[in-house]
Amino acid sequence: MSAILNTIRHRSGESGFTLLEVMFSLVIASIGLLGLAMMQGTTIRGNSNSNRITTATILAQDKLEEFNTATENPDNAQAPNLATGEDSEKVDDEGTIGKGIFTRSWVVAEHTKASRLVTVTVAWSDDKIGPAATGGKSTNHAVVLSTITRGGQN
């Protein structure tokens, strides 16, 4: 059949694509473009999640640095208390205390007679960002960092 169509085309001097070939090419191109569009949405969500993980890690590191500063300069009134116990605070991505989607909590526990184990957890939930971002589902996330610092009983 193909040989007959080619013969007819060459005899009449026509060349090009048939309507069926064009339609088939458009279907294949459409499937490829839809795949790219879906990957774009996944990439945007992944970048947003990575940004929150990075922010949470920085917030946890900042609190650990506060505890390390307290061991180096115990007379500093701004330094957190190294007594054993736990506490938490709401914080935003800029580190402003009292608001934001992040909850930063810490536990100070005795490690040895001369040191403390400090564990900082920064948690957040995607539902506070907006239900459209998660398809109406709530997902909880957390970053946990620990360090051993001076500050126990001598």
Protein backbone atom coordinates (compact mmCIF):
# COMPACT_ATOMS: atom_id res chain seq x y z
CA MET A 1 0.00 0.00 0.00
CA SER A 2 2.83 2.35 0.91
CA ALA A 3 4.50 1.76 -2.44
CA ILE A 4 1.30 2.75 -4.24
CA LEU A 5 1.00 6.02 -2.22
CA ASN A 6 4.64 6.86 -2.92
CA THR A 7 4.12 6.23 -6.63
CA ILE A 8 1.04 8.44 -6.69
CA ARG A 9 2.90 11.23 -4.84
CA HIS A 10 5.88 11.11 -7.17
CA ARG A 11 3.74 11.06 -10.30
CA SER A 12 1.67 14.05 -9.21
CA GLY A 13 4.74 15.94 -7.98
CA GLU A 14 3.33 16.31 -4.47
CA SER A 15 5.44 15.83 -1.39
CA GLY A 16 4.74 16.35 2.34
CA PHE A 17 2.94 14.68 5.19
CA THR A 18 -0.49 13.16 5.33
CA LEU A 19 -3.05 14.38 7.84
CA LEU A 20 -2.70 11.11 9.78
CA GLU A 21 1.08 11.58 10.14
CA VAL A 22 0.62 15.14 11.40
CA MET A 23 -2.05 14.10 13.93
CA PHE A 24 0.13 11.27 15.24
CA SER A 25 3.08 13.65 15.65
CA LEU A 26 0.91 16.13 17.57
CA VAL A 27 -0.27 13.39 19.96
CA ILE A 28 3.33 12.34 20.70
CA ALA A 29 4.42 15.95 21.21
CA SER A 30 1.44 16.62 23.52
CA ILE A 31 2.30 13.63 25.71
CA GLY A 32 5.89 14.86 26.01
CA LEU A 33 4.81 18.41 26.91
CA LEU A 34 2.38 17.13 29.55
CA GLY A 35 5.23 15.13 31.10
CA LEU A 36 7.40 18.24 31.22
CA ALA A 37 4.60 20.25 32.85
CA MET A 38 4.17 17.61 35.57
CA MET A 39 7.92 17.57 36.22
CA GLN A 40 7.88 21.37 36.59
CA GLY A 41 5.29 21.17 39.39
CA THR A 42 7.28 18.46 41.17
CA THR A 43 10.44 20.54 40.88
CA ILE A 44 8.77 23.61 42.36
CA ARG A 45 7.45 21.60 45.33
CA GLY A 46 10.88 20.03 45.83
CA ASN A 47 12.60 23.42 45.81
CA SER A 48 10.10 24.81 48.31
CA ASN A 49 10.62 21.82 50.63
CA SER A 50 14.40 22.14 50.31
CA ASN A 51 14.16 25.82 51.23
CA ARG A 52 12.20 24.98 54.40
CA ILE A 53 14.68 22.24 55.38
CA THR A 54 17.58 24.66 54.92
CA THR A 55 15.81 27.34 56.97
CA ALA A 56 14.99 24.85 59.74
CA THR A 57 18.62 23.70 59.84
CA ILE A 58 19.86 27.29 60.12
CA LEU A 59 17.37 28.01 62.94
CA ALA A 60 18.54 24.90 64.82
CA GLN A 61 22.21 25.82 64.31
CA ASP A 62 21.53 29.35 65.59
CA LYS A 63 20.04 27.98 68.82
CA LEU A 64 22.96 25.56 69.27
CA GLU A 65 25.35 28.49 68.82
CA GLU A 66 23.49 30.36 71.55
CA PHE A 67 24.11 27.45 73.91
CA ASN A 68 27.78 27.26 72.90
CA THR A 69 28.11 31.00 73.52
CA ALA A 70 26.59 30.52 76.97
CA THR A 71 29.39 28.09 77.89
CA GLU A 72 32.09 30.47 76.63
CA ASN A 73 30.63 33.57 78.31
CA PRO A 74 28.37 32.55 81.22
CA ASP A 75 27.98 36.19 82.37
CA ASN A 76 26.13 37.12 79.16
CA ALA A 77 22.54 38.01 80.12
CA GLN A 78 21.32 37.09 76.61
CA ALA A 79 22.70 33.54 76.78
CA PRO A 80 20.21 30.70 77.30
CA ASN A 81 20.17 28.78 80.55
CA LEU A 82 22.19 25.57 80.52
CA ALA A 83 20.23 24.04 83.38
CA THR A 84 18.68 20.72 82.43
CA GLY A 85 15.17 21.03 81.06
CA GLU A 86 13.31 21.86 77.89
CA ASP A 87 11.60 24.79 76.23
CA SER A 88 10.16 25.85 72.86
CA GLU A 89 9.26 28.94 70.85
CA LYS A 90 7.53 29.87 67.61
CA VAL A 91 9.91 31.37 65.09
CA ASP A 92 9.73 32.57 61.48
CA ASP A 93 12.25 32.02 58.70
CA GLU A 94 14.11 35.21 59.70
CA GLY A 95 14.54 34.03 63.29
CA THR A 96 11.92 36.38 64.74
CA ILE A 97 10.54 34.80 67.88
CA GLY A 98 6.80 34.66 68.52
CA LYS A 99 5.48 34.10 65.00
CA GLY A 100 6.07 31.94 61.96
CA ILE A 101 5.49 28.40 60.77
CA PHE A 102 8.43 26.88 62.66
CA THR A 103 8.40 25.56 66.23
CA ARG A 104 11.90 25.45 67.68
CA SER A 105 12.26 23.34 70.83
CA TRP A 106 15.30 22.24 72.80
CA VAL A 107 16.20 19.83 75.54
CA VAL A 108 19.23 20.24 77.79
CA ALA A 109 20.21 17.01 79.50
CA GLU A 110 23.14 16.07 81.70
CA HIS A 111 25.73 14.18 79.67
CA THR A 112 28.59 13.93 82.14
CA LYS A 113 29.40 15.83 85.32
CA ALA A 114 31.10 18.55 83.24
CA SER A 115 28.97 18.60 80.07
CA ARG A 116 25.42 18.85 78.76
CA LEU A 117 23.74 17.24 75.78
CA VAL A 118 21.73 19.89 73.93
CA THR A 119 19.19 18.72 71.34
CA VAL A 120 17.36 21.28 69.19
CA THR A 121 14.34 20.31 67.08
CA VAL A 122 12.78 22.61 64.49
CA ALA A 123 9.40 21.34 63.30
CA TRP A 124 6.82 22.63 60.84
CA SER A 125 3.70 21.46 59.08
CA ASP A 126 2.82 22.10 55.44
CA ASP A 127 -0.82 22.83 56.26
CA LYS A 128 0.22 26.19 57.77
CA ILE A 129 1.51 27.24 54.37
CA GLY A 130 -1.75 26.51 52.60
CA PRO A 131 -3.84 23.49 51.70
CA ALA A 132 -3.35 24.11 47.97
CA ALA A 133 0.39 23.47 48.36
CA THR A 134 -0.18 19.95 49.69
CA GLY A 135 -3.40 18.97 47.98
CA GLY A 136 -5.37 19.34 51.22
CA LYS A 137 -3.07 17.00 53.17
CA SER A 138 -1.01 17.96 56.21
CA THR A 139 2.61 16.78 56.30
CA ASN A 140 4.79 17.24 59.38
CA HIS A 141 8.54 17.76 59.08
CA ALA A 142 11.37 18.19 61.57
CA VAL A 143 15.11 18.83 61.68
CA VAL A 144 16.95 17.61 64.79
CA LEU A 145 20.49 18.69 65.73
CA SER A 146 22.44 17.76 68.87
CA THR A 147 25.69 18.82 70.47
CA ILE A 148 27.62 18.22 73.65
CA THR A 149 28.68 21.39 75.40
CA ARG A 150 30.44 22.35 78.60
CA GLY A 151 28.23 23.40 81.44
CA GLY A 152 27.68 20.58 83.88
CA GLN A 153 28.65 20.51 87.50
CA ASN A 154 32.41 20.58 88.12
